[in-house]
Amino acid sequence: MIIESAILSIKAGQGRAFEAALRDARPLIEATPGFLGIEIWPCVENPDQYLLLVRWETLEDHTIGFRKSGRFQKWREALHHFYDPMPVILHYSEPA
């Protein structure tokens, strides 16, 4: 299993709109083969920041299966305009 992580910094005052857009966009990522789950945690100290955690069976399920799909293009159109700056995406593997 791979965990994709990112700190999502949302433009000031756009948190509620981001959350609504994310609810609408979730089926796009959930339909991807190898998708295992998603969590979005709002930050306690900064209301314009969220922690994204996505579980994938393999790295390629995310980097190829989702990112190279038409679903990702729709995901990007729905969500990427909220980010400032664009998030850094990191992947983590299960401990040895």
C-alpha atoms as a PDB file:
ATOM      1  CA  MET A   1       0.000   0.000   0.000  1.00  0.00           C
ATOM      2  CA  ILE A   2       1.087   3.581  -0.756  1.00  0.00           C
ATOM      3  CA  ILE A   3      -0.078   6.719   1.021  1.00  0.00           C
ATOM      4  CA  GLU A   4      -0.215   9.915  -0.990  1.00  0.00           C
ATOM      5  CA  SER A   5       0.008  13.010   1.197  1.00  0.00           C
ATOM      6  CA  ALA A   6      -0.206  16.742   0.719  1.00  0.00           C
ATOM      7  CA  ILE A   7      -0.788  19.886   2.699  1.00  0.00           C
ATOM      8  CA  LEU A   8      -3.508  21.780   0.840  1.00  0.00           C
ATOM      9  CA  SER A   9      -3.296  25.541   1.351  1.00  0.00           C
ATOM     10  CA  ILE A  10      -6.589  27.036   0.243  1.00  0.00           C
ATOM     11  CA  LYS A  11      -7.048  30.668  -0.777  1.00  0.00           C
ATOM     12  CA  ALA A  12      -8.270  32.731   2.165  1.00  0.00           C
ATOM     13  CA  GLY A  13     -11.982  32.425   2.822  1.00  0.00           C
ATOM     14  CA  GLN A  14     -12.489  29.641   0.250  1.00  0.00           C
ATOM     15  CA  GLY A  15     -12.633  26.704   2.694  1.00  0.00           C
ATOM     16  CA  ARG A  16     -16.371  26.046   2.481  1.00  0.00           C
ATOM     17  CA  ALA A  17     -16.385  26.302  -1.308  1.00  0.00           C
ATOM     18  CA  PHE A  18     -13.379  23.951  -1.456  1.00  0.00           C
ATOM     19  CA  GLU A  19     -15.099  21.412   0.810  1.00  0.00           C
ATOM     20  CA  ALA A  20     -18.240  21.486  -1.365  1.00  0.00           C
ATOM     21  CA  ALA A  21     -16.190  21.080  -4.570  1.00  0.00           C
ATOM     22  CA  LEU A  22     -14.270  18.219  -2.977  1.00  0.00           C
ATOM     23  CA  ARG A  23     -17.507  16.410  -2.054  1.00  0.00           C
ATOM     24  CA  ASP A  24     -18.597  16.687  -5.685  1.00  0.00           C
ATOM     25  CA  ALA A  25     -15.182  15.574  -7.006  1.00  0.00           C
ATOM     26  CA  ARG A  26     -14.666  12.571  -4.718  1.00  0.00           C
ATOM     27  CA  PRO A  27     -16.379  10.070  -7.058  1.00  0.00           C
ATOM     28  CA  LEU A  28     -13.718  10.887  -9.675  1.00  0.00           C
ATOM     29  CA  ILE A  29     -10.873   9.589  -7.512  1.00  0.00           C
ATOM     30  CA  GLU A  30     -12.949   6.853  -5.876  1.00  0.00           C
ATOM     31  CA  ALA A  31     -13.642   5.291  -9.302  1.00  0.00           C
ATOM     32  CA  THR A  32      -9.925   4.705  -9.933  1.00  0.00           C
ATOM     33  CA  PRO A  33      -8.709   1.089  -9.822  1.00  0.00           C
ATOM     34  CA  GLY A  34      -6.317   0.687  -6.895  1.00  0.00           C
ATOM     35  CA  PHE A  35      -7.935   3.486  -4.863  1.00  0.00           C
ATOM     36  CA  LEU A  36      -8.314   2.386  -1.234  1.00  0.00           C
ATOM     37  CA  GLY A  37      -9.523   5.490   0.588  1.00  0.00           C
ATOM     38  CA  ILE A  38      -9.226   9.225   1.116  1.00  0.00           C
ATOM     39  CA  GLU A  39      -9.101  11.434   4.181  1.00  0.00           C
ATOM     40  CA  ILE A  40      -9.155  15.229   4.279  1.00  0.00           C
ATOM     41  CA  TRP A  41      -8.352  16.719   7.678  1.00  0.00           C
ATOM     42  CA  PRO A  42      -8.943  20.433   8.328  1.00  0.00           C
ATOM     43  CA  CYS A  43      -6.148  22.148  10.248  1.00  0.00           C
ATOM     44  CA  VAL A  44      -6.967  23.248  13.792  1.00  0.00           C
ATOM     45  CA  GLU A  45      -4.599  26.225  13.775  1.00  0.00           C
ATOM     46  CA  ASN A  46      -5.159  27.409  10.187  1.00  0.00           C
ATOM     47  CA  PRO A  47      -8.697  27.230   8.781  1.00  0.00           C
ATOM     48  CA  ASP A  48      -7.362  27.607   5.220  1.00  0.00           C
ATOM     49  CA  GLN A  49      -5.233  24.449   5.382  1.00  0.00           C
ATOM     50  CA  TYR A  50      -6.093  20.757   4.999  1.00  0.00           C
ATOM     51  CA  LEU A  51      -4.135  17.514   5.202  1.00  0.00           C
ATOM     52  CA  LEU A  52      -4.845  15.157   2.300  1.00  0.00           C
ATOM     53  CA  LEU A  53      -4.193  11.434   2.721  1.00  0.00           C
ATOM     54  CA  VAL A  54      -5.044   8.996  -0.062  1.00  0.00           C
ATOM     55  CA  ARG A  55      -4.390   5.263   0.150  1.00  0.00           C
ATOM     56  CA  TRP A  56      -3.483   3.414  -3.063  1.00  0.00           C
ATOM     57  CA  GLU A  57      -2.636  -0.206  -3.749  1.00  0.00           C
ATOM     58  CA  THR A  58       0.434   0.856  -5.788  1.00  0.00           C
ATOM     59  CA  LEU A  59       2.219   4.070  -6.700  1.00  0.00           C
ATOM     60  CA  GLU A  60       1.269   3.538 -10.341  1.00  0.00           C
ATOM     61  CA  ASP A  61      -2.429   3.423  -9.429  1.00  0.00           C
ATOM     62  CA  HIS A  62      -2.037   7.095  -8.512  1.00  0.00           C
ATOM     63  CA  THR A  63       0.648   8.338 -10.898  1.00  0.00           C
ATOM     64  CA  ILE A  64      -0.604   6.526 -14.003  1.00  0.00           C
ATOM     65  CA  GLY A  65      -4.083   5.152 -13.300  1.00  0.00           C
ATOM     66  CA  PHE A  66      -5.497   8.388 -11.885  1.00  0.00           C
ATOM     67  CA  ARG A  67      -3.177  11.167 -13.029  1.00  0.00           C
ATOM     68  CA  LYS A  68      -3.210  10.079 -16.681  1.00  0.00           C
ATOM     69  CA  SER A  69      -6.991   9.651 -16.740  1.00  0.00           C
ATOM     70  CA  GLY A  70      -9.758  11.964 -17.847  1.00  0.00           C
ATOM     71  CA  ARG A  71     -11.047  11.782 -14.267  1.00  0.00           C
ATOM     72  CA  PHE A  72      -7.910  13.610 -13.094  1.00  0.00           C
ATOM     73  CA  GLN A  73      -8.501  16.401 -15.599  1.00  0.00           C
ATOM     74  CA  LYS A  74     -11.995  16.883 -14.122  1.00  0.00           C
ATOM     75  CA  TRP A  75     -10.529  16.689 -10.573  1.00  0.00           C
ATOM     76  CA  ARG A  76      -8.004  19.376 -11.455  1.00  0.00           C
ATOM     77  CA  GLU A  77     -10.688  21.625 -12.978  1.00  0.00           C
ATOM     78  CA  ALA A  78     -12.842  21.251  -9.862  1.00  0.00           C
ATOM     79  CA  LEU A  79     -10.150  21.749  -7.209  1.00  0.00           C
ATOM     80  CA  HIS A  80      -6.814  23.163  -8.327  1.00  0.00           C
ATOM     81  CA  HIS A  81      -7.984  26.787  -8.537  1.00  0.00           C
ATOM     82  CA  PHE A  82      -8.460  26.740  -4.734  1.00  0.00           C
ATOM     83  CA  TYR A  83      -4.756  26.050  -3.992  1.00  0.00           C
ATOM     84  CA  ASP A  84      -2.255  28.779  -3.159  1.00  0.00           C
ATOM     85  CA  PRO A  85       0.432  27.626  -3.569  1.00  0.00           C
ATOM     86  CA  MET A  86       0.049  24.341  -5.425  1.00  0.00           C
ATOM     87  CA  PRO A  87       0.656  21.471  -2.983  1.00  0.00           C
ATOM     88  CA  VAL A  88       3.691  19.227  -2.949  1.00  0.00           C
ATOM     89  CA  ILE A  89       2.567  15.606  -3.312  1.00  0.00           C
ATOM     90  CA  LEU A  90       4.612  12.955  -1.512  1.00  0.00           C
ATOM     91  CA  HIS A  91       4.162   9.180  -1.441  1.00  0.00           C
ATOM     92  CA  TYR A  92       4.952   6.887   1.482  1.00  0.00           C
ATOM     93  CA  SER A  93       5.264   3.116   1.541  1.00  0.00           C
ATOM     94  CA  GLU A  94       4.448   0.728   4.329  1.00  0.00           C
ATOM     95  CA  PRO A  95       7.255   0.262   6.856  1.00  0.00           C
ATOM     96  CA  ALA A  96       9.602  -2.638   6.248  1.00  0.00           C
END
